[in-house]
Amino acid sequence: VQTGGSLRLSCTASRSINSINAIH
């Protein structure tokens, strides 16, 4: 991406993220 642009990263977990203390 060029300077000033945007991106959205995704992180998909193999289990419910509500059960995970923290995601970094």
PDB file of all heavy atoms in Angstrom:
ATOM      1  N   VAL A   1       0.853  -1.185   0.000  1.00  0.00           N
ATOM      2  CA  VAL A   1       0.000   0.000   0.000  1.00  0.00           C
ATOM      3  C   VAL A   1       0.886   1.230   0.000  1.00  0.00           C
ATOM      4  O   VAL A   1       2.027   1.192   0.484  1.00  0.00           O
ATOM      5  CB  VAL A   1      -0.946  -0.015   1.222  1.00  0.00           C
ATOM      6  CG1 VAL A   1      -0.168   0.074   2.528  1.00  0.00           C
ATOM      7  CG2 VAL A   1      -2.002   1.056   1.135  1.00  0.00           C
ATOM      8  N   GLN A   2       0.384   2.322  -0.534  1.00  0.00           N
ATOM      9  CA  GLN A   2       1.144   3.567  -0.548  1.00  0.00           C
ATOM     10  C   GLN A   2       1.016   4.297   0.792  1.00  0.00           C
ATOM     11  O   GLN A   2       0.060   4.079   1.547  1.00  0.00           O
ATOM     12  CB  GLN A   2       0.661   4.464  -1.672  1.00  0.00           C
ATOM     13  CG  GLN A   2       1.010   3.940  -3.067  1.00  0.00           C
ATOM     14  CD  GLN A   2       0.701   4.938  -4.152  1.00  0.00           C
ATOM     15  OE1 GLN A   2      -0.203   5.757  -4.011  1.00  0.00           O
ATOM     16  NE2 GLN A   2       1.442   4.878  -5.238  1.00  0.00           N
ATOM     17  N   THR A   3       1.968   5.152   1.059  1.00  0.00           N
ATOM     18  CA  THR A   3       1.939   5.981   2.261  1.00  0.00           C
ATOM     19  C   THR A   3       0.606   6.723   2.343  1.00  0.00           C
ATOM     20  O   THR A   3       0.140   7.285   1.341  1.00  0.00           O
ATOM     21  CB  THR A   3       3.090   6.987   2.242  1.00  0.00           C
ATOM     22  OG1 THR A   3       4.337   6.282   2.182  1.00  0.00           O
ATOM     23  CG2 THR A   3       3.071   7.848   3.488  1.00  0.00           C
ATOM     24  N   GLY A   4       0.021   6.667   3.535  1.00  0.00           N
ATOM     25  CA  GLY A   4      -1.275   7.305   3.744  1.00  0.00           C
ATOM     26  C   GLY A   4      -2.457   6.399   3.492  1.00  0.00           C
ATOM     27  O   GLY A   4      -3.597   6.766   3.794  1.00  0.00           O
ATOM     28  N   GLY A   5      -2.194   5.218   2.945  1.00  0.00           N
ATOM     29  CA  GLY A   5      -3.262   4.287   2.636  1.00  0.00           C
ATOM     30  C   GLY A   5      -3.713   3.479   3.834  1.00  0.00           C
ATOM     31  O   GLY A   5      -3.263   3.700   4.969  1.00  0.00           O
ATOM     32  N   SER A   6      -4.591   2.526   3.562  1.00  0.00           N
ATOM     33  CA  SER A   6      -5.184   1.708   4.625  1.00  0.00           C
ATOM     34  C   SER A   6      -5.158   0.230   4.256  1.00  0.00           C
ATOM     35  O   SER A   6      -5.178  -0.125   3.071  1.00  0.00           O
ATOM     36  CB  SER A   6      -6.638   2.124   4.868  1.00  0.00           C
ATOM     37  OG  SER A   6      -6.729   3.463   5.291  1.00  0.00           O
ATOM     38  N   LEU A   7      -5.116  -0.592   5.284  1.00  0.00           N
ATOM     39  CA  LEU A   7      -5.257  -2.041   5.149  1.00  0.00           C
ATOM     40  C   LEU A   7      -6.010  -2.549   6.367  1.00  0.00           C
ATOM     41  O   LEU A   7      -5.939  -1.940   7.448  1.00  0.00           O
ATOM     42  CB  LEU A   7      -3.893  -2.736   5.087  1.00  0.00           C
ATOM     43  CG  LEU A   7      -3.093  -2.690   3.789  1.00  0.00           C
ATOM     44  CD1 LEU A   7      -1.720  -3.323   4.017  1.00  0.00           C
ATOM     45  CD2 LEU A   7      -3.831  -3.402   2.668  1.00  0.00           C
ATOM     46  N   ARG A   8      -6.695  -3.664   6.192  1.00  0.00           N
ATOM     47  CA  ARG A   8      -7.325  -4.330   7.334  1.00  0.00           C
ATOM     48  C   ARG A   8      -6.807  -5.754   7.412  1.00  0.00           C
ATOM     49  O   ARG A   8      -6.981  -6.541   6.471  1.00  0.00           O
ATOM     50  CB  ARG A   8      -8.847  -4.343   7.217  1.00  0.00           C
ATOM     51  CG  ARG A   8      -9.512  -4.842   8.495  1.00  0.00           C
ATOM     52  CD  ARG A   8     -11.019  -4.827   8.437  1.00  0.00           C
ATOM     53  NE  ARG A   8     -11.558  -5.931   7.656  1.00  0.00           N
ATOM     54  CZ  ARG A   8     -12.814  -6.356   7.758  1.00  0.00           C
ATOM     55  NH1 ARG A   8     -13.648  -5.773   8.606  1.00  0.00           N
ATOM     56  NH2 ARG A   8     -13.238  -7.341   6.995  1.00  0.00           N
ATOM     57  N   LEU A   9      -6.178  -6.058   8.524  1.00  0.00           N
ATOM     58  CA  LEU A   9      -5.694  -7.404   8.782  1.00  0.00           C
ATOM     59  C   LEU A   9      -6.749  -8.187   9.553  1.00  0.00           C
ATOM     60  O   LEU A   9      -7.472  -7.622  10.376  1.00  0.00           O
ATOM     61  CB  LEU A   9      -4.403  -7.365   9.590  1.00  0.00           C
ATOM     62  CG  LEU A   9      -3.256  -6.526   9.026  1.00  0.00           C
ATOM     63  CD1 LEU A   9      -2.021  -6.660   9.912  1.00  0.00           C
ATOM     64  CD2 LEU A   9      -2.954  -6.887   7.599  1.00  0.00           C
ATOM     65  N   SER A  10      -6.797  -9.484   9.280  1.00  0.00           N
ATOM     66  CA  SER A  10      -7.714 -10.380   9.978  1.00  0.00           C
ATOM     67  C   SER A  10      -6.933 -11.491  10.661  1.00  0.00           C
ATOM     68  O   SER A  10      -5.932 -11.975  10.109  1.00  0.00           O
ATOM     69  CB  SER A  10      -8.710 -11.009   9.002  1.00  0.00           C
ATOM     70  OG  SER A  10      -9.485 -10.025   8.358  1.00  0.00           O
ATOM     71  N   CYS A  11      -7.396 -11.887  11.821  1.00  0.00           N
ATOM     72  CA  CYS A  11      -6.817 -13.014  12.549  1.00  0.00           C
ATOM     73  C   CYS A  11      -7.985 -13.898  12.968  1.00  0.00           C
ATOM     74  O   CYS A  11      -8.794 -13.503  13.824  1.00  0.00           O
ATOM     75  CB  CYS A  11      -6.059 -12.521  13.770  1.00  0.00           C
ATOM     76  SG  CYS A  11      -5.521 -13.845  14.895  1.00  0.00           S
ATOM     77  N   THR A  12      -8.070 -15.078  12.358  1.00  0.00           N
ATOM     78  CA  THR A  12      -9.155 -16.007  12.651  1.00  0.00           C
ATOM     79  C   THR A  12      -8.636 -17.143  13.516  1.00  0.00           C
ATOM     80  O   THR A  12      -7.629 -17.781  13.172  1.00  0.00           O
ATOM     81  CB  THR A  12      -9.767 -16.543  11.361  1.00  0.00           C
ATOM     82  OG1 THR A  12     -10.283 -15.441  10.598  1.00  0.00           O
ATOM     83  CG2 THR A  12     -10.911 -17.501  11.658  1.00  0.00           C
ATOM     84  N   ALA A  13      -9.332 -17.372  14.621  1.00  0.00           N
ATOM     85  CA  ALA A  13      -8.913 -18.384  15.588  1.00  0.00           C
ATOM     86  C   ALA A  13      -9.693 -19.681  15.403  1.00  0.00           C
ATOM     87  O   ALA A  13     -10.812 -19.676  14.877  1.00  0.00           O
ATOM     88  CB  ALA A  13      -9.129 -17.859  17.001  1.00  0.00           C
ATOM     89  N   SER A  14      -9.093 -20.771  15.872  1.00  0.00           N
ATOM     90  CA  SER A  14      -9.698 -22.089  15.716  1.00  0.00           C
ATOM     91  C   SER A  14     -10.723 -22.383  16.811  1.00  0.00           C
ATOM     92  O   SER A  14     -11.349 -23.448  16.796  1.00  0.00           O
ATOM     93  CB  SER A  14      -8.612 -23.170  15.733  1.00  0.00           C
ATOM     94  OG  SER A  14      -7.902 -23.127  16.965  1.00  0.00           O
ATOM     95  N   ARG A  15     -10.875 -21.460  17.751  1.00  0.00           N
ATOM     96  CA  ARG A  15     -11.866 -21.618  18.797  1.00  0.00           C
ATOM     97  C   ARG A  15     -12.479 -20.271  19.100  1.00  0.00           C
ATOM     98  O   ARG A  15     -12.008 -19.243  18.611  1.00  0.00           O
ATOM     99  CB  ARG A  15     -11.236 -22.230  20.044  1.00  0.00           C
ATOM    100  CG  ARG A  15     -10.174 -21.391  20.698  1.00  0.00           C
ATOM    101  CD  ARG A  15      -9.604 -22.072  21.948  1.00  0.00           C
ATOM    102  NE  ARG A  15     -10.648 -22.414  22.879  1.00  0.00           N
ATOM    103  CZ  ARG A  15     -10.945 -23.671  23.246  1.00  0.00           C
ATOM    104  NH1 ARG A  15     -10.252 -24.688  22.742  1.00  0.00           N
ATOM    105  NH2 ARG A  15     -11.899 -23.908  24.118  1.00  0.00           N
ATOM    106  N   SER A  16     -13.511 -20.272  19.901  1.00  0.00           N
ATOM    107  CA  SER A  16     -14.193 -19.032  20.235  1.00  0.00           C
ATOM    108  C   SER A  16     -13.228 -18.022  20.847  1.00  0.00           C
ATOM    109  O   SER A  16     -12.513 -18.332  21.799  1.00  0.00           O
ATOM    110  CB  SER A  16     -15.325 -19.313  21.232  1.00  0.00           C
ATOM    111  OG  SER A  16     -15.828 -18.105  21.743  1.00  0.00           O
ATOM    112  N   ILE A  17     -13.207 -16.816  20.291  1.00  0.00           N
ATOM    113  CA  ILE A  17     -12.293 -15.806  20.832  1.00  0.00           C
ATOM    114  C   ILE A  17     -12.761 -15.318  22.198  1.00  0.00           C
ATOM    115  O   ILE A  17     -11.987 -14.738  22.942  1.00  0.00           O
ATOM    116  CB  ILE A  17     -12.106 -14.629  19.856  1.00  0.00           C
ATOM    117  CG1 ILE A  17     -13.435 -13.954  19.521  1.00  0.00           C
ATOM    118  CG2 ILE A  17     -11.387 -15.083  18.601  1.00  0.00           C
ATOM    119  CD1 ILE A  17     -13.281 -12.696  18.667  1.00  0.00           C
ATOM    120  N   ASN A  18     -14.006 -15.581  22.552  1.00  0.00           N
ATOM    121  CA  ASN A  18     -14.465 -15.229  23.898  1.00  0.00           C
ATOM    122  C   ASN A  18     -13.787 -16.083  24.959  1.00  0.00           C
ATOM    123  O   ASN A  18     -13.733 -15.689  26.129  1.00  0.00           O
ATOM    124  CB  ASN A  18     -15.981 -15.391  24.011  1.00  0.00           C
ATOM    125  CG  ASN A  18     -16.726 -14.244  23.370  1.00  0.00           C
ATOM    126  OD1 ASN A  18     -16.233 -13.117  23.354  1.00  0.00           O
ATOM    127  ND2 ASN A  18     -17.895 -14.517  22.829  1.00  0.00           N
ATOM    128  N   SER A  19     -13.268 -17.238  24.559  1.00  0.00           N
ATOM    129  CA  SER A  19     -12.592 -18.125  25.500  1.00  0.00           C
ATOM    130  C   SER A  19     -11.101 -17.810  25.624  1.00  0.00           C
ATOM    131  O   SER A  19     -10.413 -18.390  26.460  1.00  0.00           O
ATOM    132  CB  SER A  19     -12.757 -19.585  25.062  1.00  0.00           C
ATOM    133  OG  SER A  19     -12.034 -19.839  23.871  1.00  0.00           O
ATOM    134  N   ILE A  20     -10.630 -16.904  24.790  1.00  0.00           N
ATOM    135  CA  ILE A  20      -9.205 -16.556  24.757  1.00  0.00           C
ATOM    136  C   ILE A  20      -8.995 -15.298  25.584  1.00  0.00           C
ATOM    137  O   ILE A  20      -9.659 -14.285  25.356  1.00  0.00           O
ATOM    138  CB  ILE A  20      -8.726 -16.341  23.310  1.00  0.00           C
ATOM    139  CG1 ILE A  20      -8.943 -17.629  22.498  1.00  0.00           C
ATOM    140  CG2 ILE A  20      -7.275 -15.921  23.290  1.00  0.00           C
ATOM    141  CD1 ILE A  20      -8.681 -17.462  21.015  1.00  0.00           C
ATOM    142  N   ASN A  21      -8.073 -15.360  26.527  1.00  0.00           N
ATOM    143  CA  ASN A  21      -7.870 -14.234  27.437  1.00  0.00           C
ATOM    144  C   ASN A  21      -7.562 -12.936  26.693  1.00  0.00           C
ATOM    145  O   ASN A  21      -8.137 -11.885  26.975  1.00  0.00           O
ATOM    146  CB  ASN A  21      -6.733 -14.535  28.415  1.00  0.00           C
ATOM    147  CG  ASN A  21      -7.054 -15.690  29.324  1.00  0.00           C
ATOM    148  OD1 ASN A  21      -8.224 -16.009  29.547  1.00  0.00           O
ATOM    149  ND2 ASN A  21      -6.033 -16.333  29.842  1.00  0.00           N
ATOM    150  N   ALA A  22      -6.621 -13.029  25.767  1.00  0.00           N
ATOM    151  CA  ALA A  22      -6.219 -11.829  25.036  1.00  0.00           C
ATOM    152  C   ALA A  22      -5.711 -12.223  23.662  1.00  0.00           C
ATOM    153  O   ALA A  22      -5.085 -13.277  23.498  1.00  0.00           O
ATOM    154  CB  ALA A  22      -5.130 -11.070  25.791  1.00  0.00           C
ATOM    155  N   ILE A  23      -5.975 -11.375  22.702  1.00  0.00           N
ATOM    156  CA  ILE A  23      -5.417 -11.529  21.359  1.00  0.00           C
ATOM    157  C   ILE A  23      -4.629 -10.260  21.049  1.00  0.00           C
ATOM    158  O   ILE A  23      -5.121  -9.147  21.268  1.00  0.00           O
ATOM    159  CB  ILE A  23      -6.510 -11.785  20.321  1.00  0.00           C
ATOM    160  CG1 ILE A  23      -7.157 -13.143  20.596  1.00  0.00           C
ATOM    161  CG2 ILE A  23      -5.929 -11.736  18.914  1.00  0.00           C
ATOM    162  CD1 ILE A  23      -8.226 -13.550  19.621  1.00  0.00           C
ATOM    163  N   HIS A  24      -3.413 -10.483  20.586  1.00  0.00           N
ATOM    164  CA  HIS A  24      -2.501  -9.384  20.327  1.00  0.00           C
ATOM    165  C   HIS A  24      -2.146  -9.341  18.839  1.00  0.00           C
ATOM    166  O   HIS A  24      -2.131 -10.367  18.156  1.00  0.00           O
ATOM    167  CB  HIS A  24      -1.190  -9.572  21.092  1.00  0.00           C
ATOM    168  CG  HIS A  24      -1.339  -9.836  22.547  1.00  0.00           C
ATOM    169  ND1 HIS A  24      -1.652 -11.070  23.074  1.00  0.00           N
ATOM    170  CD2 HIS A  24      -1.226  -8.991  23.616  1.00  0.00           C
ATOM    171  CE1 HIS A  24      -1.696 -10.997  24.391  1.00  0.00           C
ATOM    172  NE2 HIS A  24      -1.457  -9.753  24.750  1.00  0.00           N
TER     173      HIS A  24
END
